[in-house]
């Protein structure tokens, strides 16, 4: 029987955190002195679109480990920063030299709308602005802000998300089979998902045990998310996904679906989801939303 507090959809669960994130993005996205054309393109690529999953994880993880008084602004900054990194990665991922896609979040990609040069510069601007938002935190939050910044830098850097992109593009050697696919998934997707949750736990004042639980949950959640993404890329429509389906197969990219087939991939998603839920058992009832989010992501259709 479903818990009386269970929500009906992913959008409903994330809605309050998406609203907070949108307000933070409106406040901190464009700094004074930004050229108008660049500011327009930045707003186009960031505002009013997307699930806001990663910033939602920042807030959800903080709630799950216990609130730290006076940290709401740092939480808001962390949520904005991780979303800016995510949006930058999408802008660059869509470029002709990468996935060469013309559709993102149901509308033309940055380079289709503003040209390739501006798209490159928008991605650069979003990445650097993410760390600027964290650097501008109140002095009283400086130690926590430094820890949060370090987590985000590692997850989005050359051993994290960028390594995943390099591997996804076939620009480095990988093991064969599912092991190679998991290398990509752990870095391209799960690293930033894990970082978002860890950032929230740090802002929430979690001890090492609770941070470890949240990290493990989020890493497994990231694998669930990307496994479902691989499945949807082959089975979904552009209307459902807001992006062009079938791109991975068309480009000959490695995926969990190609390695396992639909039936075995479905079983893998179920197993990963269960293992994610098990990771947050030490958090007790406060992890209810984390468990709920896991179930919703495992059965998402877009």
C-alpha atoms as a PDB file:
ATOM      1  CA  UNK A   1       0.000   0.000   0.000  1.00  0.00           C
ATOM      2  CA  UNK A   2       1.337   3.421  -0.912  1.00  0.00           C
ATOM      3  CA  UNK A   3       2.243   5.788   1.911  1.00  0.00           C
ATOM      4  CA  UNK A   4      -0.294   8.615   2.326  1.00  0.00           C
ATOM      5  CA  UNK A   5       2.495  11.120   1.603  1.00  0.00           C
ATOM      6  CA  UNK A   6       3.512   9.461  -1.661  1.00  0.00           C
ATOM      7  CA  UNK A   7       3.381  11.820  -4.643  1.00  0.00           C
ATOM      8  CA  UNK A   8       2.069  10.880  -8.038  1.00  0.00           C
ATOM      9  CA  UNK A   9       4.924  12.025 -10.252  1.00  0.00           C
ATOM     10  CA  UNK A  10       8.543  13.042 -10.449  1.00  0.00           C
ATOM     11  CA  UNK A  11       7.536  16.587 -11.349  1.00  0.00           C
ATOM     12  CA  UNK A  12       5.347  16.811  -8.247  1.00  0.00           C
ATOM     13  CA  UNK A  13       8.114  15.578  -5.958  1.00  0.00           C
ATOM     14  CA  UNK A  14      10.677  17.992  -7.405  1.00  0.00           C
ATOM     15  CA  UNK A  15       8.319  20.974  -7.769  1.00  0.00           C
ATOM     16  CA  UNK A  16       9.139  22.824  -4.515  1.00  0.00           C
ATOM     17  CA  UNK A  17      12.875  22.431  -5.087  1.00  0.00           C
ATOM     18  CA  UNK A  18      12.554  23.443  -8.744  1.00  0.00           C
ATOM     19  CA  UNK A  19      10.763  26.624  -7.639  1.00  0.00           C
ATOM     20  CA  UNK A  20      13.579  27.483  -5.208  1.00  0.00           C
ATOM     21  CA  UNK A  21      16.178  26.721  -7.852  1.00  0.00           C
ATOM     22  CA  UNK A  22      14.444  28.878 -10.445  1.00  0.00           C
ATOM     23  CA  UNK A  23      14.448  31.802  -8.008  1.00  0.00           C
ATOM     24  CA  UNK A  24      18.167  31.302  -7.346  1.00  0.00           C
ATOM     25  CA  UNK A  25      18.940  31.098 -11.050  1.00  0.00           C
ATOM     26  CA  UNK A  26      17.036  34.314 -11.691  1.00  0.00           C
ATOM     27  CA  UNK A  27      19.050  35.951  -8.931  1.00  0.00           C
ATOM     28  CA  UNK A  28      22.564  34.699  -9.658  1.00  0.00           C
ATOM     29  CA  UNK A  29      22.753  33.506 -13.275  1.00  0.00           C
ATOM     30  CA  UNK A  30      23.833  36.731 -14.993  1.00  0.00           C
ATOM     31  CA  UNK A  31      26.446  38.856 -13.270  1.00  0.00           C
ATOM     32  CA  UNK A  32      26.792  42.612 -13.929  1.00  0.00           C
ATOM     33  CA  UNK A  33      28.803  43.445 -17.021  1.00  0.00           C
ATOM     34  CA  UNK A  34      27.711  40.395 -19.035  1.00  0.00           C
ATOM     35  CA  UNK A  35      27.097  41.354 -22.702  1.00  0.00           C
ATOM     36  CA  UNK A  36      23.409  41.392 -23.519  1.00  0.00           C
ATOM     37  CA  UNK A  37      23.664  38.799 -26.290  1.00  0.00           C
ATOM     38  CA  UNK A  38      25.485  36.401 -23.992  1.00  0.00           C
ATOM     39  CA  UNK A  39      23.030  37.015 -21.139  1.00  0.00           C
ATOM     40  CA  UNK A  40      20.130  36.243 -23.486  1.00  0.00           C
ATOM     41  CA  UNK A  41      21.708  32.977 -24.577  1.00  0.00           C
ATOM     42  CA  UNK A  42      22.513  31.987 -20.980  1.00  0.00           C
ATOM     43  CA  UNK A  43      18.922  32.578 -19.919  1.00  0.00           C
ATOM     44  CA  UNK A  44      17.648  30.613 -22.910  1.00  0.00           C
ATOM     45  CA  UNK A  45      19.772  27.603 -21.995  1.00  0.00           C
ATOM     46  CA  UNK A  46      18.977  27.610 -18.279  1.00  0.00           C
ATOM     47  CA  UNK A  47      15.705  29.244 -17.243  1.00  0.00           C
ATOM     48  CA  UNK A  48      12.239  27.727 -17.294  1.00  0.00           C
ATOM     49  CA  UNK A  49      13.129  24.255 -18.536  1.00  0.00           C
ATOM     50  CA  UNK A  50      14.317  20.897 -17.272  1.00  0.00           C
ATOM     51  CA  UNK A  51      13.377  18.640 -14.363  1.00  0.00           C
ATOM     52  CA  UNK A  52      15.829  20.345 -11.959  1.00  0.00           C
ATOM     53  CA  UNK A  53      16.730  16.884 -10.685  1.00  0.00           C
ATOM     54  CA  UNK A  54      20.288  17.669  -9.587  1.00  0.00           C
ATOM     55  CA  UNK A  55      19.434  20.799  -7.602  1.00  0.00           C
ATOM     56  CA  UNK A  56      16.530  18.864  -6.146  1.00  0.00           C
ATOM     57  CA  UNK A  57      19.016  16.301  -4.880  1.00  0.00           C
ATOM     58  CA  UNK A  58      20.906  19.054  -3.047  1.00  0.00           C
ATOM     59  CA  UNK A  59      17.792  20.023  -1.091  1.00  0.00           C
ATOM     60  CA  UNK A  60      16.533  16.452  -0.604  1.00  0.00           C
ATOM     61  CA  UNK A  61      19.864  15.232   0.758  1.00  0.00           C
ATOM     62  CA  UNK A  62      20.051  18.136   3.200  1.00  0.00           C
ATOM     63  CA  UNK A  63      16.564  17.312   4.462  1.00  0.00           C
ATOM     64  CA  UNK A  64      17.443  13.632   4.818  1.00  0.00           C
ATOM     65  CA  UNK A  65      20.487  14.212   7.032  1.00  0.00           C
ATOM     66  CA  UNK A  66      19.159  17.039   9.205  1.00  0.00           C
ATOM     67  CA  UNK A  67      18.953  20.766   8.656  1.00  0.00           C
ATOM     68  CA  UNK A  68      21.774  23.090   9.660  1.00  0.00           C
ATOM     69  CA  UNK A  69      20.371  26.485  10.796  1.00  0.00           C
ATOM     70  CA  UNK A  70      21.493  29.431   8.708  1.00  0.00           C
ATOM     71  CA  UNK A  71      22.552  27.377   5.705  1.00  0.00           C
ATOM     72  CA  UNK A  72      19.563  28.029   3.436  1.00  0.00           C
ATOM     73  CA  UNK A  73      21.468  30.479   1.228  1.00  0.00           C
ATOM     74  CA  UNK A  74      24.419  28.116   0.840  1.00  0.00           C
ATOM     75  CA  UNK A  75      21.983  25.329  -0.062  1.00  0.00           C
ATOM     76  CA  UNK A  76      20.400  27.618  -2.658  1.00  0.00           C
ATOM     77  CA  UNK A  77      23.817  28.489  -4.078  1.00  0.00           C
ATOM     78  CA  UNK A  78      24.846  24.822  -4.201  1.00  0.00           C
ATOM     79  CA  UNK A  79      21.621  23.925  -6.022  1.00  0.00           C
ATOM     80  CA  UNK A  80      22.159  26.714  -8.560  1.00  0.00           C
ATOM     81  CA  UNK A  81      25.807  25.798  -9.067  1.00  0.00           C
ATOM     82  CA  UNK A  82      25.143  22.141  -9.798  1.00  0.00           C
ATOM     83  CA  UNK A  83      22.362  23.064 -12.240  1.00  0.00           C
ATOM     84  CA  UNK A  84      24.652  25.490 -14.067  1.00  0.00           C
ATOM     85  CA  UNK A  85      27.275  22.766 -14.458  1.00  0.00           C
ATOM     86  CA  UNK A  86      24.601  20.395 -15.752  1.00  0.00           C
ATOM     87  CA  UNK A  87      23.278  22.961 -18.242  1.00  0.00           C
ATOM     88  CA  UNK A  88      26.786  23.736 -19.478  1.00  0.00           C
ATOM     89  CA  UNK A  89      27.347  20.031 -20.096  1.00  0.00           C
ATOM     90  CA  UNK A  90      24.139  19.822 -22.152  1.00  0.00           C
ATOM     91  CA  UNK A  91      25.072  22.851 -24.266  1.00  0.00           C
ATOM     92  CA  UNK A  92      28.477  21.399 -25.097  1.00  0.00           C
ATOM     93  CA  UNK A  93      27.142  17.850 -25.505  1.00  0.00           C
ATOM     94  CA  UNK A  94      24.789  19.067 -28.230  1.00  0.00           C
ATOM     95  CA  UNK A  95      27.530  20.772 -30.285  1.00  0.00           C
ATOM     96  CA  UNK A  96      28.316  19.490 -33.797  1.00  0.00           C
ATOM     97  CA  UNK A  97      31.694  18.171 -32.600  1.00  0.00           C
ATOM     98  CA  UNK A  98      29.961  16.120 -29.901  1.00  0.00           C
ATOM     99  CA  UNK A  99      26.439  14.684 -30.345  1.00  0.00           C
ATOM    100  CA  UNK A 100      25.416  17.200 -33.044  1.00  0.00           C
ATOM    101  CA  UNK A 101      21.830  17.528 -31.821  1.00  0.00           C
ATOM    102  CA  UNK A 102      19.293  20.191 -32.758  1.00  0.00           C
ATOM    103  CA  UNK A 103      16.708  19.545 -30.017  1.00  0.00           C
ATOM    104  CA  UNK A 104      17.024  19.900 -26.245  1.00  0.00           C
ATOM    105  CA  UNK A 105      14.245  20.236 -23.667  1.00  0.00           C
ATOM    106  CA  UNK A 106      11.731  20.471 -26.478  1.00  0.00           C
ATOM    107  CA  UNK A 107      13.276  23.423 -28.306  1.00  0.00           C
ATOM    108  CA  UNK A 108      16.298  24.208 -30.525  1.00  0.00           C
ATOM    109  CA  UNK A 109      19.682  23.595 -28.949  1.00  0.00           C
ATOM    110  CA  UNK A 110      21.988  26.503 -28.156  1.00  0.00           C
ATOM    111  CA  UNK A 111      24.059  26.265 -31.325  1.00  0.00           C
ATOM    112  CA  UNK A 112      20.923  25.919 -33.468  1.00  0.00           C
ATOM    113  CA  UNK A 113      19.454  29.058 -31.883  1.00  0.00           C
ATOM    114  CA  UNK A 114      22.541  31.259 -31.425  1.00  0.00           C
ATOM    115  CA  UNK A 115      25.299  29.744 -33.566  1.00  0.00           C
ATOM    116  CA  UNK A 116      28.148  27.434 -32.678  1.00  0.00           C
ATOM    117  CA  UNK A 117      30.553  30.089 -31.395  1.00  0.00           C
ATOM    118  CA  UNK A 118      28.012  31.526 -28.965  1.00  0.00           C
ATOM    119  CA  UNK A 119      27.057  28.028 -27.791  1.00  0.00           C
ATOM    120  CA  UNK A 120      30.682  27.271 -26.912  1.00  0.00           C
ATOM    121  CA  UNK A 121      30.930  30.554 -25.032  1.00  0.00           C
ATOM    122  CA  UNK A 122      27.601  30.022 -23.247  1.00  0.00           C
ATOM    123  CA  UNK A 123      28.859  26.664 -21.985  1.00  0.00           C
ATOM    124  CA  UNK A 124      32.070  28.317 -20.793  1.00  0.00           C
ATOM    125  CA  UNK A 125      30.071  31.058 -19.083  1.00  0.00           C
ATOM    126  CA  UNK A 126      27.746  28.646 -17.268  1.00  0.00           C
ATOM    127  CA  UNK A 127      30.629  26.536 -15.971  1.00  0.00           C
ATOM    128  CA  UNK A 128      32.627  29.458 -14.639  1.00  0.00           C
ATOM    129  CA  UNK A 129      29.512  31.154 -13.243  1.00  0.00           C
ATOM    130  CA  UNK A 130      28.734  28.003 -11.241  1.00  0.00           C
ATOM    131  CA  UNK A 131      31.925  28.396  -9.244  1.00  0.00           C
ATOM    132  CA  UNK A 132      31.421  32.139  -8.994  1.00  0.00           C
ATOM    133  CA  UNK A 133      28.059  31.561  -7.319  1.00  0.00           C
ATOM    134  CA  UNK A 134      29.723  29.365  -4.701  1.00  0.00           C
ATOM    135  CA  UNK A 135      32.658  31.740  -4.235  1.00  0.00           C
ATOM    136  CA  UNK A 136      30.237  34.569  -3.439  1.00  0.00           C
ATOM    137  CA  UNK A 137      28.752  32.752  -0.421  1.00  0.00           C
ATOM    138  CA  UNK A 138      28.689  34.543   2.927  1.00  0.00           C
ATOM    139  CA  UNK A 139      31.956  34.562   4.833  1.00  0.00           C
ATOM    140  CA  UNK A 140      30.344  32.626   7.672  1.00  0.00           C
ATOM    141  CA  UNK A 141      29.716  29.730   5.290  1.00  0.00           C
ATOM    142  CA  UNK A 142      33.263  29.756   3.885  1.00  0.00           C
ATOM    143  CA  UNK A 143      34.428  26.348   5.228  1.00  0.00           C
ATOM    144  CA  UNK A 144      31.284  24.563   4.049  1.00  0.00           C
ATOM    145  CA  UNK A 145      31.331  26.465   0.752  1.00  0.00           C
ATOM    146  CA  UNK A 146      34.923  25.370   0.145  1.00  0.00           C
ATOM    147  CA  UNK A 147      34.001  21.724   0.788  1.00  0.00           C
ATOM    148  CA  UNK A 148      30.985  21.970  -1.520  1.00  0.00           C
ATOM    149  CA  UNK A 149      33.095  23.616  -4.233  1.00  0.00           C
ATOM    150  CA  UNK A 150      35.702  20.864  -4.021  1.00  0.00           C
ATOM    151  CA  UNK A 151      33.040  18.163  -4.438  1.00  0.00           C
ATOM    152  CA  UNK A 152      31.543  19.888  -7.492  1.00  0.00           C
ATOM    153  CA  UNK A 153      34.940  20.503  -9.095  1.00  0.00           C
ATOM    154  CA  UNK A 154      35.995  16.879  -8.716  1.00  0.00           C
ATOM    155  CA  UNK A 155      32.714  15.513 -10.047  1.00  0.00           C
ATOM    156  CA  UNK A 156      32.645  17.799 -13.091  1.00  0.00           C
ATOM    157  CA  UNK A 157      36.371  17.705 -13.839  1.00  0.00           C
ATOM    158  CA  UNK A 158      38.804  15.573 -15.840  1.00  0.00           C
ATOM    159  CA  UNK A 159      38.417  12.486 -13.641  1.00  0.00           C
ATOM    160  CA  UNK A 160      34.632  12.886 -13.390  1.00  0.00           C
ATOM    161  CA  UNK A 161      32.072  14.091 -15.909  1.00  0.00           C
ATOM    162  CA  UNK A 162      34.672  15.110 -18.504  1.00  0.00           C
ATOM    163  CA  UNK A 163      36.244  11.655 -18.319  1.00  0.00           C
ATOM    164  CA  UNK A 164      32.804  10.219 -18.971  1.00  0.00           C
ATOM    165  CA  UNK A 165      32.346  12.444 -22.001  1.00  0.00           C
ATOM    166  CA  UNK A 166      35.763  11.488 -23.353  1.00  0.00           C
ATOM    167  CA  UNK A 167      34.892   7.808 -22.927  1.00  0.00           C
ATOM    168  CA  UNK A 168      31.421   8.265 -24.425  1.00  0.00           C
ATOM    169  CA  UNK A 169      32.984   9.835 -27.514  1.00  0.00           C
ATOM    170  CA  UNK A 170      35.370   6.900 -27.899  1.00  0.00           C
ATOM    171  CA  UNK A 171      38.406   9.089 -27.250  1.00  0.00           C
ATOM    172  CA  UNK A 172      40.050   6.741 -24.744  1.00  0.00           C
ATOM    173  CA  UNK A 173      40.420   2.994 -24.302  1.00  0.00           C
ATOM    174  CA  UNK A 174      37.764   1.192 -22.274  1.00  0.00           C
ATOM    175  CA  UNK A 175      37.152  -2.372 -21.107  1.00  0.00           C
ATOM    176  CA  UNK A 176      34.771  -4.426 -23.188  1.00  0.00           C
ATOM    177  CA  UNK A 177      31.203  -5.326 -22.312  1.00  0.00           C
ATOM    178  CA  UNK A 178      29.163  -3.875 -19.482  1.00  0.00           C
ATOM    179  CA  UNK A 179      32.289  -2.882 -17.552  1.00  0.00           C
ATOM    180  CA  UNK A 180      33.140  -0.282 -20.166  1.00  0.00           C
ATOM    181  CA  UNK A 181      29.576   1.035 -20.242  1.00  0.00           C
ATOM    182  CA  UNK A 182      29.573   1.348 -16.470  1.00  0.00           C
ATOM    183  CA  UNK A 183      32.819   3.341 -16.648  1.00  0.00           C
ATOM    184  CA  UNK A 184      30.973   5.865 -18.824  1.00  0.00           C
ATOM    185  CA  UNK A 185      27.822   5.918 -16.704  1.00  0.00           C
ATOM    186  CA  UNK A 186      29.672   6.364 -13.414  1.00  0.00           C
ATOM    187  CA  UNK A 187      31.447   9.439 -14.737  1.00  0.00           C
ATOM    188  CA  UNK A 188      29.208  11.023 -17.349  1.00  0.00           C
ATOM    189  CA  UNK A 189      26.045  10.876 -15.245  1.00  0.00           C
ATOM    190  CA  UNK A 190      26.467   9.385 -11.778  1.00  0.00           C
ATOM    191  CA  UNK A 191      29.388  11.632 -10.757  1.00  0.00           C
ATOM    192  CA  UNK A 192      27.317  14.825 -10.873  1.00  0.00           C
ATOM    193  CA  UNK A 193      24.269  13.130  -9.324  1.00  0.00           C
ATOM    194  CA  UNK A 194      26.459  11.896  -6.470  1.00  0.00           C
ATOM    195  CA  UNK A 195      28.050  15.324  -6.087  1.00  0.00           C
ATOM    196  CA  UNK A 196      24.669  17.059  -5.853  1.00  0.00           C
ATOM    197  CA  UNK A 197      23.569  14.810  -3.004  1.00  0.00           C
ATOM    198  CA  UNK A 198      26.911  15.090  -1.227  1.00  0.00           C
ATOM    199  CA  UNK A 199      26.799  18.879  -1.528  1.00  0.00           C
ATOM    200  CA  UNK A 200      23.398  18.875   0.144  1.00  0.00           C
ATOM    201  CA  UNK A 201      24.583  16.563   2.904  1.00  0.00           C
ATOM    202  CA  UNK A 202      27.565  18.832   3.568  1.00  0.00           C
ATOM    203  CA  UNK A 203      25.334  21.893   3.742  1.00  0.00           C
ATOM    204  CA  UNK A 204      23.048  19.975   6.085  1.00  0.00           C
ATOM    205  CA  UNK A 205      25.887  19.277   8.505  1.00  0.00           C
ATOM    206  CA  UNK A 206      25.972  15.510   8.041  1.00  0.00           C
ATOM    207  CA  UNK A 207      28.589  13.361   9.707  1.00  0.00           C
ATOM    208  CA  UNK A 208      30.806  10.988   7.746  1.00  0.00           C
ATOM    209  CA  UNK A 209      28.455   8.017   8.087  1.00  0.00           C
ATOM    210  CA  UNK A 210      25.462   9.881   6.693  1.00  0.00           C
ATOM    211  CA  UNK A 211      27.492  11.470   3.913  1.00  0.00           C
ATOM    212  CA  UNK A 212      28.688   8.008   2.893  1.00  0.00           C
ATOM    213  CA  UNK A 213      25.110   6.711   2.831  1.00  0.00           C
ATOM    214  CA  UNK A 214      23.898   9.617   0.704  1.00  0.00           C
ATOM    215  CA  UNK A 215      26.874   9.319  -1.665  1.00  0.00           C
ATOM    216  CA  UNK A 216      26.290   5.609  -2.245  1.00  0.00           C
ATOM    217  CA  UNK A 217      22.559   6.103  -2.755  1.00  0.00           C
ATOM    218  CA  UNK A 218      23.139   8.886  -5.267  1.00  0.00           C
ATOM    219  CA  UNK A 219      25.796   7.011  -7.208  1.00  0.00           C
ATOM    220  CA  UNK A 220      23.443   4.063  -7.621  1.00  0.00           C
ATOM    221  CA  UNK A 221      20.629   6.467  -8.477  1.00  0.00           C
ATOM    222  CA  UNK A 222      22.817   7.951 -11.203  1.00  0.00           C
ATOM    223  CA  UNK A 223      23.303   4.492 -12.690  1.00  0.00           C
ATOM    224  CA  UNK A 224      19.534   3.938 -12.582  1.00  0.00           C
ATOM    225  CA  UNK A 225      18.961   7.274 -14.300  1.00  0.00           C
ATOM    226  CA  UNK A 226      21.434   6.619 -17.122  1.00  0.00           C
ATOM    227  CA  UNK A 227      20.243   3.035 -17.625  1.00  0.00           C
ATOM    228  CA  UNK A 228      16.678   4.288 -18.057  1.00  0.00           C
ATOM    229  CA  UNK A 229      18.021   7.016 -20.361  1.00  0.00           C
ATOM    230  CA  UNK A 230      19.656   4.368 -22.555  1.00  0.00           C
ATOM    231  CA  UNK A 231      16.337   2.532 -22.744  1.00  0.00           C
ATOM    232  CA  UNK A 232      14.325   5.660 -23.515  1.00  0.00           C
ATOM    233  CA  UNK A 233      16.771   6.741 -26.209  1.00  0.00           C
ATOM    234  CA  UNK A 234      15.784   3.605 -28.124  1.00  0.00           C
ATOM    235  CA  UNK A 235      12.070   3.485 -27.275  1.00  0.00           C
ATOM    236  CA  UNK A 236      10.922   7.073 -26.675  1.00  0.00           C
ATOM    237  CA  UNK A 237       9.766   9.810 -29.033  1.00  0.00           C
ATOM    238  CA  UNK A 238      11.041  13.356 -29.450  1.00  0.00           C
ATOM    239  CA  UNK A 239       7.773  14.609 -27.947  1.00  0.00           C
ATOM    240  CA  UNK A 240       8.288  12.458 -24.847  1.00  0.00           C
ATOM    241  CA  UNK A 241      11.972  13.138 -24.376  1.00  0.00           C
ATOM    242  CA  UNK A 242      12.305  16.731 -25.554  1.00  0.00           C
ATOM    243  CA  UNK A 243      15.370  15.664 -27.520  1.00  0.00           C
ATOM    244  CA  UNK A 244      16.146  13.547 -30.577  1.00  0.00           C
ATOM    245  CA  UNK A 245      15.753   9.821 -29.841  1.00  0.00           C
ATOM    246  CA  UNK A 246      17.991   7.146 -31.325  1.00  0.00           C
ATOM    247  CA  UNK A 247      21.079   9.355 -31.364  1.00  0.00           C
ATOM    248  CA  UNK A 248      23.271   6.939 -29.392  1.00  0.00           C
ATOM    249  CA  UNK A 249      22.537   3.940 -31.587  1.00  0.00           C
ATOM    250  CA  UNK A 250      22.904   6.040 -34.718  1.00  0.00           C
ATOM    251  CA  UNK A 251      26.318   7.210 -33.603  1.00  0.00           C
ATOM    252  CA  UNK A 252      27.420   3.708 -32.638  1.00  0.00           C
ATOM    253  CA  UNK A 253      27.798   4.646 -28.986  1.00  0.00           C
ATOM    254  CA  UNK A 254      28.060   2.037 -26.288  1.00  0.00           C
ATOM    255  CA  UNK A 255      25.026   1.672 -24.064  1.00  0.00           C
ATOM    256  CA  UNK A 256      23.609  -0.614 -21.408  1.00  0.00           C
ATOM    257  CA  UNK A 257      20.762  -1.502 -23.775  1.00  0.00           C
ATOM    258  CA  UNK A 258      23.160  -2.601 -26.512  1.00  0.00           C
ATOM    259  CA  UNK A 259      25.077  -4.754 -24.044  1.00  0.00           C
ATOM    260  CA  UNK A 260      22.144  -6.323 -22.196  1.00  0.00           C
ATOM    261  CA  UNK A 261      18.992  -6.092 -24.301  1.00  0.00           C
ATOM    262  CA  UNK A 262      15.692  -4.764 -22.965  1.00  0.00           C
ATOM    263  CA  UNK A 263      14.762  -7.596 -20.620  1.00  0.00           C
ATOM    264  CA  UNK A 264      18.121  -7.816 -18.854  1.00  0.00           C
ATOM    265  CA  UNK A 265      18.427  -4.028 -18.713  1.00  0.00           C
ATOM    266  CA  UNK A 266      15.017  -3.846 -17.047  1.00  0.00           C
ATOM    267  CA  UNK A 267      16.198  -6.343 -14.444  1.00  0.00           C
ATOM    268  CA  UNK A 268      19.382  -4.335 -13.922  1.00  0.00           C
ATOM    269  CA  UNK A 269      17.366  -1.169 -13.324  1.00  0.00           C
ATOM    270  CA  UNK A 270      15.304  -2.990 -10.695  1.00  0.00           C
ATOM    271  CA  UNK A 271      18.438  -4.313  -8.981  1.00  0.00           C
ATOM    272  CA  UNK A 272      20.192  -0.947  -8.972  1.00  0.00           C
ATOM    273  CA  UNK A 273      17.065   0.712  -7.593  1.00  0.00           C
ATOM    274  CA  UNK A 274      16.856  -1.774  -4.742  1.00  0.00           C
ATOM    275  CA  UNK A 275      20.528  -1.323  -3.932  1.00  0.00           C
ATOM    276  CA  UNK A 276      20.077   2.457  -3.910  1.00  0.00           C
ATOM    277  CA  UNK A 277      17.242   2.144  -1.411  1.00  0.00           C
ATOM    278  CA  UNK A 278      19.355  -0.164   0.749  1.00  0.00           C
ATOM    279  CA  UNK A 279      22.128   2.441   0.874  1.00  0.00           C
ATOM    280  CA  UNK A 280      19.949   4.947   2.762  1.00  0.00           C
ATOM    281  CA  UNK A 281      18.534   2.510   5.322  1.00  0.00           C
ATOM    282  CA  UNK A 282      20.808   4.054   8.021  1.00  0.00           C
ATOM    283  CA  UNK A 283      18.935   7.347   7.576  1.00  0.00           C
ATOM    284  CA  UNK A 284      15.623   5.826   8.640  1.00  0.00           C
ATOM    285  CA  UNK A 285      12.326   7.602   7.999  1.00  0.00           C
ATOM    286  CA  UNK A 286      14.021  10.844   6.944  1.00  0.00           C
ATOM    287  CA  UNK A 287      15.094   9.098   3.725  1.00  0.00           C
ATOM    288  CA  UNK A 288      11.491   8.564   2.636  1.00  0.00           C
ATOM    289  CA  UNK A 289      11.691  11.056  -0.217  1.00  0.00           C
ATOM    290  CA  UNK A 290      14.988   9.570  -1.371  1.00  0.00           C
ATOM    291  CA  UNK A 291      13.365   6.155  -1.625  1.00  0.00           C
ATOM    292  CA  UNK A 292      10.375   7.650  -3.407  1.00  0.00           C
ATOM    293  CA  UNK A 293      12.581   9.493  -5.880  1.00  0.00           C
ATOM    294  CA  UNK A 294      14.423   6.256  -6.648  1.00  0.00           C
ATOM    295  CA  UNK A 295      11.176   4.514  -7.573  1.00  0.00           C
ATOM    296  CA  UNK A 296       9.981   7.417  -9.693  1.00  0.00           C
ATOM    297  CA  UNK A 297      13.232   7.667 -11.653  1.00  0.00           C
ATOM    298  CA  UNK A 298      13.273   3.928 -12.289  1.00  0.00           C
ATOM    299  CA  UNK A 299       9.908   4.091 -14.029  1.00  0.00           C
ATOM    300  CA  UNK A 300      10.160   7.502 -15.713  1.00  0.00           C
ATOM    301  CA  UNK A 301       9.092   7.873 -19.318  1.00  0.00           C
ATOM    302  CA  UNK A 302      10.891  11.111 -20.235  1.00  0.00           C
END
